[in-house]
Amino acid sequence: MVEVDLPAHAEPMGITLLHVADCPNLSVARDRVIEAAERAGVGVRVDERLVHGVSDAAELGLTGSPTTLVAGADPFAETDP
């Protein structure tokens, strides 16, 4: 877990990075989340969750590795029109 504390009065935003074992993009995703939070002046808590198997992936909402969840939701998920 990585925490970036910026505003002392605000609760850090929860970010979860879902990933498969040996995901080559995990560190890049983590670094970009932290950089974006710092630029926006937002505190974040970044958790990394290893996904095991297809059923785990479906239950957690893994759509690719890594998948970024903000407050438990995928902000990039496609929705039906």
C-alpha atoms as a PDB file:
ATOM      1  CA  MET A   1       0.000   0.000   0.000  1.00  0.00           C
ATOM      2  CA  VAL A   2       1.200   3.489  -0.873  1.00  0.00           C
ATOM      3  CA  GLU A   3      -0.193   6.615   0.758  1.00  0.00           C
ATOM      4  CA  VAL A   4       0.203  10.140  -0.548  1.00  0.00           C
ATOM      5  CA  ASP A   5      -0.976  12.700   1.990  1.00  0.00           C
ATOM      6  CA  LEU A   6      -1.470  16.204   0.718  1.00  0.00           C
ATOM      7  CA  PRO A   7      -4.372  18.123   2.275  1.00  0.00           C
ATOM      8  CA  ALA A   8      -4.208  17.545   6.033  1.00  0.00           C
ATOM      9  CA  HIS A   9      -7.972  17.914   6.432  1.00  0.00           C
ATOM     10  CA  ALA A  10      -9.102  15.481   3.737  1.00  0.00           C
ATOM     11  CA  GLU A  11      -9.491  11.720   3.865  1.00  0.00           C
ATOM     12  CA  PRO A  12      -7.311  10.026   1.242  1.00  0.00           C
ATOM     13  CA  MET A  13      -9.145   8.726  -1.813  1.00  0.00           C
ATOM     14  CA  GLY A  14      -9.086   4.932  -2.042  1.00  0.00           C
ATOM     15  CA  ILE A  15      -7.529   3.586  -5.239  1.00  0.00           C
ATOM     16  CA  THR A  16      -7.206  -0.142  -5.893  1.00  0.00           C
ATOM     17  CA  LEU A  17      -5.050  -1.585  -8.636  1.00  0.00           C
ATOM     18  CA  LEU A  18      -6.298  -5.046  -9.588  1.00  0.00           C
ATOM     19  CA  HIS A  19      -3.610  -7.074 -11.332  1.00  0.00           C
ATOM     20  CA  VAL A  20      -2.479 -10.532 -12.360  1.00  0.00           C
ATOM     21  CA  ALA A  21       0.842 -12.011 -11.280  1.00  0.00           C
ATOM     22  CA  ASP A  22       3.864 -10.453 -12.975  1.00  0.00           C
ATOM     23  CA  CYS A  23       1.807  -7.657 -14.562  1.00  0.00           C
ATOM     24  CA  PRO A  24       4.353  -5.586 -16.502  1.00  0.00           C
ATOM     25  CA  ASN A  25       2.274  -2.399 -16.203  1.00  0.00           C
ATOM     26  CA  LEU A  26       1.566  -2.410 -12.470  1.00  0.00           C
ATOM     27  CA  SER A  27       4.421  -0.120 -11.445  1.00  0.00           C
ATOM     28  CA  VAL A  28       3.637   2.329 -14.262  1.00  0.00           C
ATOM     29  CA  ALA A  29      -0.026   2.446 -13.234  1.00  0.00           C
ATOM     30  CA  ARG A  30       0.919   3.002  -9.577  1.00  0.00           C
ATOM     31  CA  ASP A  31       3.333   5.797 -10.486  1.00  0.00           C
ATOM     32  CA  ARG A  32       0.754   7.514 -12.699  1.00  0.00           C
ATOM     33  CA  VAL A  33      -1.954   7.364 -10.026  1.00  0.00           C
ATOM     34  CA  ILE A  34       0.427   8.905  -7.499  1.00  0.00           C
ATOM     35  CA  GLU A  35       1.572  11.574  -9.955  1.00  0.00           C
ATOM     36  CA  ALA A  36      -2.027  12.467 -10.864  1.00  0.00           C
ATOM     37  CA  ALA A  37      -2.975  12.754  -7.183  1.00  0.00           C
ATOM     38  CA  GLU A  38      -0.004  14.987  -6.459  1.00  0.00           C
ATOM     39  CA  ARG A  39      -0.805  17.245  -9.411  1.00  0.00           C
ATOM     40  CA  ALA A  40      -4.453  17.464  -8.352  1.00  0.00           C
ATOM     41  CA  GLY A  41      -3.548  18.066  -4.725  1.00  0.00           C
ATOM     42  CA  VAL A  42      -5.524  15.024  -3.593  1.00  0.00           C
ATOM     43  CA  GLY A  43      -4.450  12.515  -0.957  1.00  0.00           C
ATOM     44  CA  VAL A  44      -4.677   8.889  -2.054  1.00  0.00           C
ATOM     45  CA  ARG A  45      -4.288   5.427  -0.597  1.00  0.00           C
ATOM     46  CA  VAL A  46      -3.205   2.970  -3.300  1.00  0.00           C
ATOM     47  CA  ASP A  47      -3.831  -0.710  -2.629  1.00  0.00           C
ATOM     48  CA  GLU A  48      -2.681  -3.458  -4.964  1.00  0.00           C
ATOM     49  CA  ARG A  49      -4.764  -6.617  -5.185  1.00  0.00           C
ATOM     50  CA  LEU A  50      -3.510  -9.739  -6.903  1.00  0.00           C
ATOM     51  CA  VAL A  51      -6.281 -11.476  -8.836  1.00  0.00           C
ATOM     52  CA  HIS A  52      -6.289 -15.278  -8.888  1.00  0.00           C
ATOM     53  CA  GLY A  53      -8.225 -16.973 -11.684  1.00  0.00           C
ATOM     54  CA  VAL A  54     -11.179 -16.196 -13.896  1.00  0.00           C
ATOM     55  CA  SER A  55     -13.852 -16.325 -11.199  1.00  0.00           C
ATOM     56  CA  ASP A  56     -11.874 -13.924  -8.998  1.00  0.00           C
ATOM     57  CA  ALA A  57     -11.418 -11.592 -11.984  1.00  0.00           C
ATOM     58  CA  ALA A  58     -15.145 -11.588 -12.745  1.00  0.00           C
ATOM     59  CA  GLU A  59     -16.104 -11.006  -9.114  1.00  0.00           C
ATOM     60  CA  LEU A  60     -13.657  -8.116  -8.660  1.00  0.00           C
ATOM     61  CA  GLY A  61     -14.254  -6.470 -12.048  1.00  0.00           C
ATOM     62  CA  LEU A  62     -10.841  -7.048 -13.614  1.00  0.00           C
ATOM     63  CA  THR A  63     -11.151  -5.967 -17.245  1.00  0.00           C
ATOM     64  CA  GLY A  64      -7.425  -5.901 -17.971  1.00  0.00           C
ATOM     65  CA  SER A  65      -4.269  -5.916 -15.930  1.00  0.00           C
ATOM     66  CA  PRO A  66      -4.018  -3.613 -14.209  1.00  0.00           C
ATOM     67  CA  THR A  67      -7.544  -2.330 -13.640  1.00  0.00           C
ATOM     68  CA  THR A  68      -7.856   0.889 -11.633  1.00  0.00           C
ATOM     69  CA  LEU A  69     -10.733   1.177  -9.182  1.00  0.00           C
ATOM     70  CA  VAL A  70     -11.581   4.529  -7.608  1.00  0.00           C
ATOM     71  CA  ALA A  71     -13.641   4.143  -4.459  1.00  0.00           C
ATOM     72  CA  GLY A  72     -14.398   0.590  -5.618  1.00  0.00           C
ATOM     73  CA  ALA A  73     -15.597   1.488  -9.129  1.00  0.00           C
ATOM     74  CA  ASP A  74     -13.894   1.359 -12.512  1.00  0.00           C
ATOM     75  CA  PRO A  75     -14.062   4.914 -13.906  1.00  0.00           C
ATOM     76  CA  PHE A  76     -13.171   3.589 -17.359  1.00  0.00           C
ATOM     77  CA  ALA A  77     -15.835   0.861 -17.492  1.00  0.00           C
ATOM     78  CA  GLU A  78     -18.079   0.926 -20.511  1.00  0.00           C
ATOM     79  CA  THR A  79     -21.731   1.468 -19.755  1.00  0.00           C
ATOM     80  CA  ASP A  80     -24.757   0.715 -21.863  1.00  0.00           C
ATOM     81  CA  PRO A  81     -26.168   3.810 -23.603  1.00  0.00           C
END
